[in-house]
Amino acid sequence: MKGTVGAKAPETVLLTEIIQSRTTVAEASRSFDLSPSGIEGRVEDGKRSMETSRHADPLGNGEQYAKLPEDLQAA
């Protein structure tokens, strides 16, 4: 689960299953020979990341893009 880009997809699936209560941390720990505390830390990081992205402005500067048509009309 660490190191390569290709390993990110299985890790994401595992964390999603834990967050959705389809798999327990204990089951994942036994299945993948990982420490429960390491898995719990990754789950918390994933939850924080999802919460942050949920509140983020997808364009970064929404006000700047909203003013763009006015600027073009003035030109």
C-alpha atoms as a PDB file:
ATOM      1  CA  MET A   1       0.000   0.000   0.000  1.00  0.00           C
ATOM      2  CA  LYS A   2       2.909   2.378  -0.013  1.00  0.00           C
ATOM      3  CA  GLY A   3       5.257   3.828  -2.538  1.00  0.00           C
ATOM      4  CA  THR A   4       3.938   3.554  -6.068  1.00  0.00           C
ATOM      5  CA  VAL A   5       1.201   5.432  -7.866  1.00  0.00           C
ATOM      6  CA  GLY A   6      -0.467   2.142  -8.845  1.00  0.00           C
ATOM      7  CA  ALA A   7      -0.847   1.274  -5.166  1.00  0.00           C
ATOM      8  CA  LYS A   8      -3.047   4.317  -4.543  1.00  0.00           C
ATOM      9  CA  ALA A   9      -6.157   2.827  -6.152  1.00  0.00           C
ATOM     10  CA  PRO A  10      -6.321  -0.266  -3.879  1.00  0.00           C
ATOM     11  CA  GLU A  11      -5.606   1.927  -0.838  1.00  0.00           C
ATOM     12  CA  THR A  12      -8.415   4.273  -1.827  1.00  0.00           C
ATOM     13  CA  VAL A  13     -10.824   1.357  -2.241  1.00  0.00           C
ATOM     14  CA  LEU A  14      -9.852  -0.061   1.149  1.00  0.00           C
ATOM     15  CA  LEU A  15     -10.238   3.299   2.906  1.00  0.00           C
ATOM     16  CA  THR A  16     -13.591   3.883   1.218  1.00  0.00           C
ATOM     17  CA  GLU A  17     -14.828   0.491   2.395  1.00  0.00           C
ATOM     18  CA  ILE A  18     -13.745   1.271   5.956  1.00  0.00           C
ATOM     19  CA  ILE A  19     -15.400   4.709   5.893  1.00  0.00           C
ATOM     20  CA  GLN A  20     -18.622   3.169   4.544  1.00  0.00           C
ATOM     21  CA  SER A  21     -18.491   0.447   7.250  1.00  0.00           C
ATOM     22  CA  ARG A  22     -18.187  -2.377   4.734  1.00  0.00           C
ATOM     23  CA  THR A  23     -14.845  -3.433   6.267  1.00  0.00           C
ATOM     24  CA  THR A  24     -13.475  -2.959   9.759  1.00  0.00           C
ATOM     25  CA  VAL A  25     -10.015  -1.668  10.599  1.00  0.00           C
ATOM     26  CA  ALA A  26      -9.305  -5.016  12.293  1.00  0.00           C
ATOM     27  CA  GLU A  27     -10.240  -6.967   9.147  1.00  0.00           C
ATOM     28  CA  ALA A  28      -8.093  -4.725   6.956  1.00  0.00           C
ATOM     29  CA  SER A  29      -5.222  -4.973   9.402  1.00  0.00           C
ATOM     30  CA  ARG A  30      -5.281  -8.771   9.325  1.00  0.00           C
ATOM     31  CA  SER A  31      -5.830  -9.029   5.571  1.00  0.00           C
ATOM     32  CA  PHE A  32      -3.083  -6.637   4.532  1.00  0.00           C
ATOM     33  CA  ASP A  33      -0.650  -7.073   7.450  1.00  0.00           C
ATOM     34  CA  LEU A  34      -0.883  -3.384   8.403  1.00  0.00           C
ATOM     35  CA  SER A  35      -1.029  -1.800  11.830  1.00  0.00           C
ATOM     36  CA  PRO A  36      -4.509  -0.727  12.983  1.00  0.00           C
ATOM     37  CA  SER A  37      -3.172   2.678  14.047  1.00  0.00           C
ATOM     38  CA  GLY A  38      -1.688   3.235  10.579  1.00  0.00           C
ATOM     39  CA  ILE A  39      -4.978   2.386   8.917  1.00  0.00           C
ATOM     40  CA  GLU A  40      -6.939   4.596  11.320  1.00  0.00           C
ATOM     41  CA  GLY A  41      -4.574   7.484  10.577  1.00  0.00           C
ATOM     42  CA  ARG A  42      -5.090   7.072   6.839  1.00  0.00           C
ATOM     43  CA  VAL A  43      -8.863   6.905   7.318  1.00  0.00           C
ATOM     44  CA  GLU A  44      -8.815  10.156   9.304  1.00  0.00           C
ATOM     45  CA  ASP A  45      -6.611  11.805   6.658  1.00  0.00           C
ATOM     46  CA  GLY A  46      -9.055  10.674   3.983  1.00  0.00           C
ATOM     47  CA  LYS A  47     -12.044  12.037   5.879  1.00  0.00           C
ATOM     48  CA  ARG A  48     -10.297  15.400   6.378  1.00  0.00           C
ATOM     49  CA  SER A  49      -9.365  15.524   2.711  1.00  0.00           C
ATOM     50  CA  MET A  50     -12.950  14.823   1.627  1.00  0.00           C
ATOM     51  CA  GLU A  51     -14.276  17.494   3.981  1.00  0.00           C
ATOM     52  CA  THR A  52     -11.744  20.032   2.728  1.00  0.00           C
ATOM     53  CA  SER A  53     -12.510  19.341  -0.925  1.00  0.00           C
ATOM     54  CA  ARG A  54     -16.234  19.584  -0.225  1.00  0.00           C
ATOM     55  CA  HIS A  55     -15.784  23.152   0.986  1.00  0.00           C
ATOM     56  CA  ALA A  56     -13.242  24.263  -1.613  1.00  0.00           C
ATOM     57  CA  ASP A  57     -14.029  26.571  -4.500  1.00  0.00           C
ATOM     58  CA  PRO A  58     -13.486  24.302  -7.531  1.00  0.00           C
ATOM     59  CA  LEU A  59     -12.253  27.183  -9.698  1.00  0.00           C
ATOM     60  CA  GLY A  60     -10.149  28.742  -6.965  1.00  0.00           C
ATOM     61  CA  ASN A  61     -11.293  32.306  -7.599  1.00  0.00           C
ATOM     62  CA  GLY A  62     -15.009  32.348  -8.307  1.00  0.00           C
ATOM     63  CA  GLU A  63     -15.268  36.122  -7.988  1.00  0.00           C
ATOM     64  CA  GLN A  64     -12.560  36.665 -10.604  1.00  0.00           C
ATOM     65  CA  TYR A  65     -14.423  34.494 -13.132  1.00  0.00           C
ATOM     66  CA  ALA A  66     -17.760  36.134 -12.330  1.00  0.00           C
ATOM     67  CA  LYS A  67     -16.305  39.536 -13.280  1.00  0.00           C
ATOM     68  CA  LEU A  68     -14.805  38.291 -16.541  1.00  0.00           C
ATOM     69  CA  PRO A  69     -17.888  38.994 -18.744  1.00  0.00           C
ATOM     70  CA  GLU A  70     -18.066  42.600 -17.455  1.00  0.00           C
ATOM     71  CA  ASP A  71     -14.404  43.124 -18.320  1.00  0.00           C
ATOM     72  CA  LEU A  72     -14.953  41.781 -21.813  1.00  0.00           C
ATOM     73  CA  GLN A  73     -17.932  44.059 -22.392  1.00  0.00           C
ATOM     74  CA  ALA A  74     -15.915  47.114 -21.424  1.00  0.00           C
ATOM     75  CA  ALA A  75     -13.159  46.268 -23.935  1.00  0.00           C
END
